[in-house]
Amino acid sequence: MTMTQDAAKMAARLRQIGKQIPQRTADAMKAEAEEDMIAMKARTPVRTGTLRDSGTVHEPETHGQDTTVTLSFGDPGSGAEAYAAYVHEHIEIPHENGQSKFMESVLNESRSTMLERIGRKIAFKNW
C-alpha cells in the first residue's frame, strides 16, 4: 500500500468517525445523566416514594451544534409536581431521609469531572 492509499484510508476512517460523534456524544451524555439520576434518587426525600419514582432522564435533544439531556423530578402527571419544587427549595425543612437540593447537590459535585467522563464514554477504540 502506498502512502497515498494509506492517507485516503485514514481520511475515510476519520470521516466515518466524524459522522458518529454527534450520536456517540448524545449517548454518552445520557449515560452520565443516568448515573447522576441514581445519585439524585438516593438523596431524594422519601415520604411516599412518589417524588423519587418521578425522577426521569429524558432523551437527548440536539438543536444545531447543541445537545442537551434534561433530568427532572415531578413532571406533570407524576403526582409529585407541587411536592418536588417545595421539597427542593425549602432547605430549612429537615428530612428523615434524603435532603433538599437533591438534584443541585449532585450536579455541583459532578460538574468538575463530567466532561472527562463523557469523553471516556465517547472514546473510539480500535480505530
Protein backbone atom coordinates (compact mmCIF):
# COMPACT_ATOMS: atom_id res chain seq x y z
CA MET A 1 0.00 0.00 0.00
CA THR A 2 1.35 3.41 -0.89
CA MET A 3 1.41 6.48 1.31
CA THR A 4 -1.39 7.96 -0.80
CA GLN A 5 -3.53 4.86 -0.26
CA ASP A 6 -2.83 4.95 3.47
CA ALA A 7 -3.77 8.64 3.64
CA ALA A 8 -7.00 8.00 1.72
CA LYS A 9 -7.86 5.11 4.03
CA MET A 10 -7.19 7.25 7.10
CA ALA A 11 -9.24 10.14 5.70
CA ALA A 12 -12.16 7.77 5.05
CA ARG A 13 -11.95 6.44 8.61
CA LEU A 14 -11.84 9.95 10.05
CA ARG A 15 -14.95 10.90 8.04
CA GLN A 16 -16.68 7.79 9.40
CA ILE A 17 -15.72 8.71 12.97
CA GLY A 18 -16.84 12.31 12.40
CA LYS A 19 -20.30 11.12 11.40
CA GLN A 20 -20.57 9.04 14.59
CA ILE A 21 -19.52 11.77 17.02
CA PRO A 22 -22.89 13.54 17.44
CA GLN A 23 -24.76 10.33 18.32
CA ARG A 24 -21.94 8.99 20.50
CA THR A 25 -21.85 12.32 22.33
CA ALA A 26 -25.62 12.26 22.92
CA ASP A 27 -25.42 8.64 24.13
CA ALA A 28 -22.53 9.47 26.47
CA MET A 29 -24.35 12.49 27.87
CA LYS A 30 -27.44 10.40 28.54
CA ALA A 31 -25.36 7.69 30.24
CA GLU A 32 -23.79 10.33 32.51
CA ALA A 33 -27.23 11.77 33.28
CA GLU A 34 -28.48 8.30 34.23
CA GLU A 35 -25.57 7.88 36.65
CA ASP A 36 -26.31 11.26 38.19
CA MET A 37 -30.01 10.34 38.45
CA ILE A 38 -29.10 7.32 40.56
CA ALA A 39 -27.27 9.61 42.98
CA MET A 40 -30.15 12.11 42.95
CA LYS A 41 -32.69 9.43 43.78
CA ALA A 42 -30.52 8.30 46.69
CA ARG A 43 -30.73 11.85 48.09
CA THR A 44 -34.41 12.46 47.34
CA PRO A 45 -36.56 12.88 50.45
CA VAL A 46 -38.97 9.96 50.67
CA ARG A 47 -42.37 10.21 52.26
CA THR A 48 -44.37 8.01 49.89
CA GLY A 49 -41.76 7.35 47.19
CA THR A 50 -43.72 9.22 44.52
CA LEU A 51 -41.17 12.00 44.24
CA ARG A 52 -38.21 9.65 44.00
CA ASP A 53 -40.04 7.48 41.48
CA SER A 54 -40.78 10.51 39.30
CA GLY A 55 -37.08 11.07 38.56
CA THR A 56 -36.60 10.94 34.80
CA VAL A 57 -33.71 11.20 32.37
CA HIS A 58 -35.14 12.46 29.09
CA GLU A 59 -33.86 11.59 25.64
CA PRO A 60 -31.10 13.83 24.31
CA GLU A 61 -32.21 16.77 22.16
CA THR A 62 -29.97 18.31 19.54
CA HIS A 63 -30.53 21.79 18.14
CA GLY A 64 -27.80 22.81 15.71
CA GLN A 65 -24.48 22.18 17.44
CA ASP A 66 -26.01 21.95 20.93
CA THR A 67 -27.10 18.72 22.57
CA THR A 68 -28.88 18.67 25.92
CA VAL A 69 -30.13 15.98 28.24
CA THR A 70 -32.78 17.01 30.76
CA LEU A 71 -33.17 15.44 34.19
CA SER A 72 -36.37 16.11 36.08
CA PHE A 73 -38.50 15.23 39.08
CA GLY A 74 -42.18 15.94 39.47
CA ASP A 75 -43.11 16.16 35.80
CA PRO A 76 -46.80 16.84 35.08
CA GLY A 77 -48.82 13.72 35.70
CA SER A 78 -46.26 12.21 38.08
CA GLY A 79 -48.28 13.01 41.19
CA ALA A 80 -45.32 14.84 42.66
CA GLU A 81 -45.45 18.16 40.83
CA ALA A 82 -46.02 20.52 43.76
CA TYR A 83 -44.08 18.43 46.27
CA ALA A 84 -40.97 18.30 44.05
CA ALA A 85 -40.48 22.08 43.93
CA TYR A 86 -41.42 22.53 47.58
CA VAL A 87 -39.00 19.90 48.89
CA HIS A 88 -36.21 21.04 46.62
CA GLU A 89 -36.35 24.70 47.55
CA HIS A 90 -37.20 24.69 51.27
CA ILE A 91 -33.82 23.91 52.77
CA GLU A 92 -34.99 24.78 56.29
CA ILE A 93 -37.23 21.71 56.45
CA PRO A 94 -35.48 18.70 57.99
CA HIS A 95 -35.95 15.34 56.25
CA GLU A 96 -35.88 11.96 57.95
CA ASN A 97 -34.17 10.67 54.85
CA GLY A 98 -32.87 12.48 51.82
CA GLN A 99 -32.15 16.18 51.54
CA SER A 100 -33.22 19.43 49.97
CA LYS A 101 -31.37 20.42 46.80
CA PHE A 102 -31.07 16.73 45.94
CA MET A 103 -30.62 17.49 42.23
CA GLU A 104 -28.42 20.55 42.58
CA SER A 105 -26.01 18.95 45.04
CA VAL A 106 -25.32 16.00 42.72
CA LEU A 107 -24.78 18.24 39.69
CA ASN A 108 -22.48 20.54 41.66
CA GLU A 109 -20.35 17.57 42.72
CA SER A 110 -20.39 16.03 39.25
CA ARG A 111 -19.63 19.17 37.27
CA SER A 112 -15.83 19.27 37.64
CA THR A 113 -15.26 15.81 36.12
CA MET A 114 -18.31 15.45 33.87
CA LEU A 115 -16.57 16.45 30.63
CA GLU A 116 -13.79 13.93 31.22
CA ARG A 117 -16.29 11.14 31.98
CA ILE A 118 -18.32 11.94 28.86
CA GLY A 119 -15.11 11.95 26.81
CA ARG A 120 -14.20 8.48 28.05
CA LYS A 121 -17.64 7.23 27.03
CA ILE A 122 -17.26 8.73 23.53
CA ALA A 123 -13.76 7.33 23.01
CA PHE A 124 -13.20 5.35 19.84
CA LYS A 125 -11.28 2.16 20.49
CA ASN A 126 -9.53 0.08 17.88
CA TRP A 127 -9.51 2.71 15.19
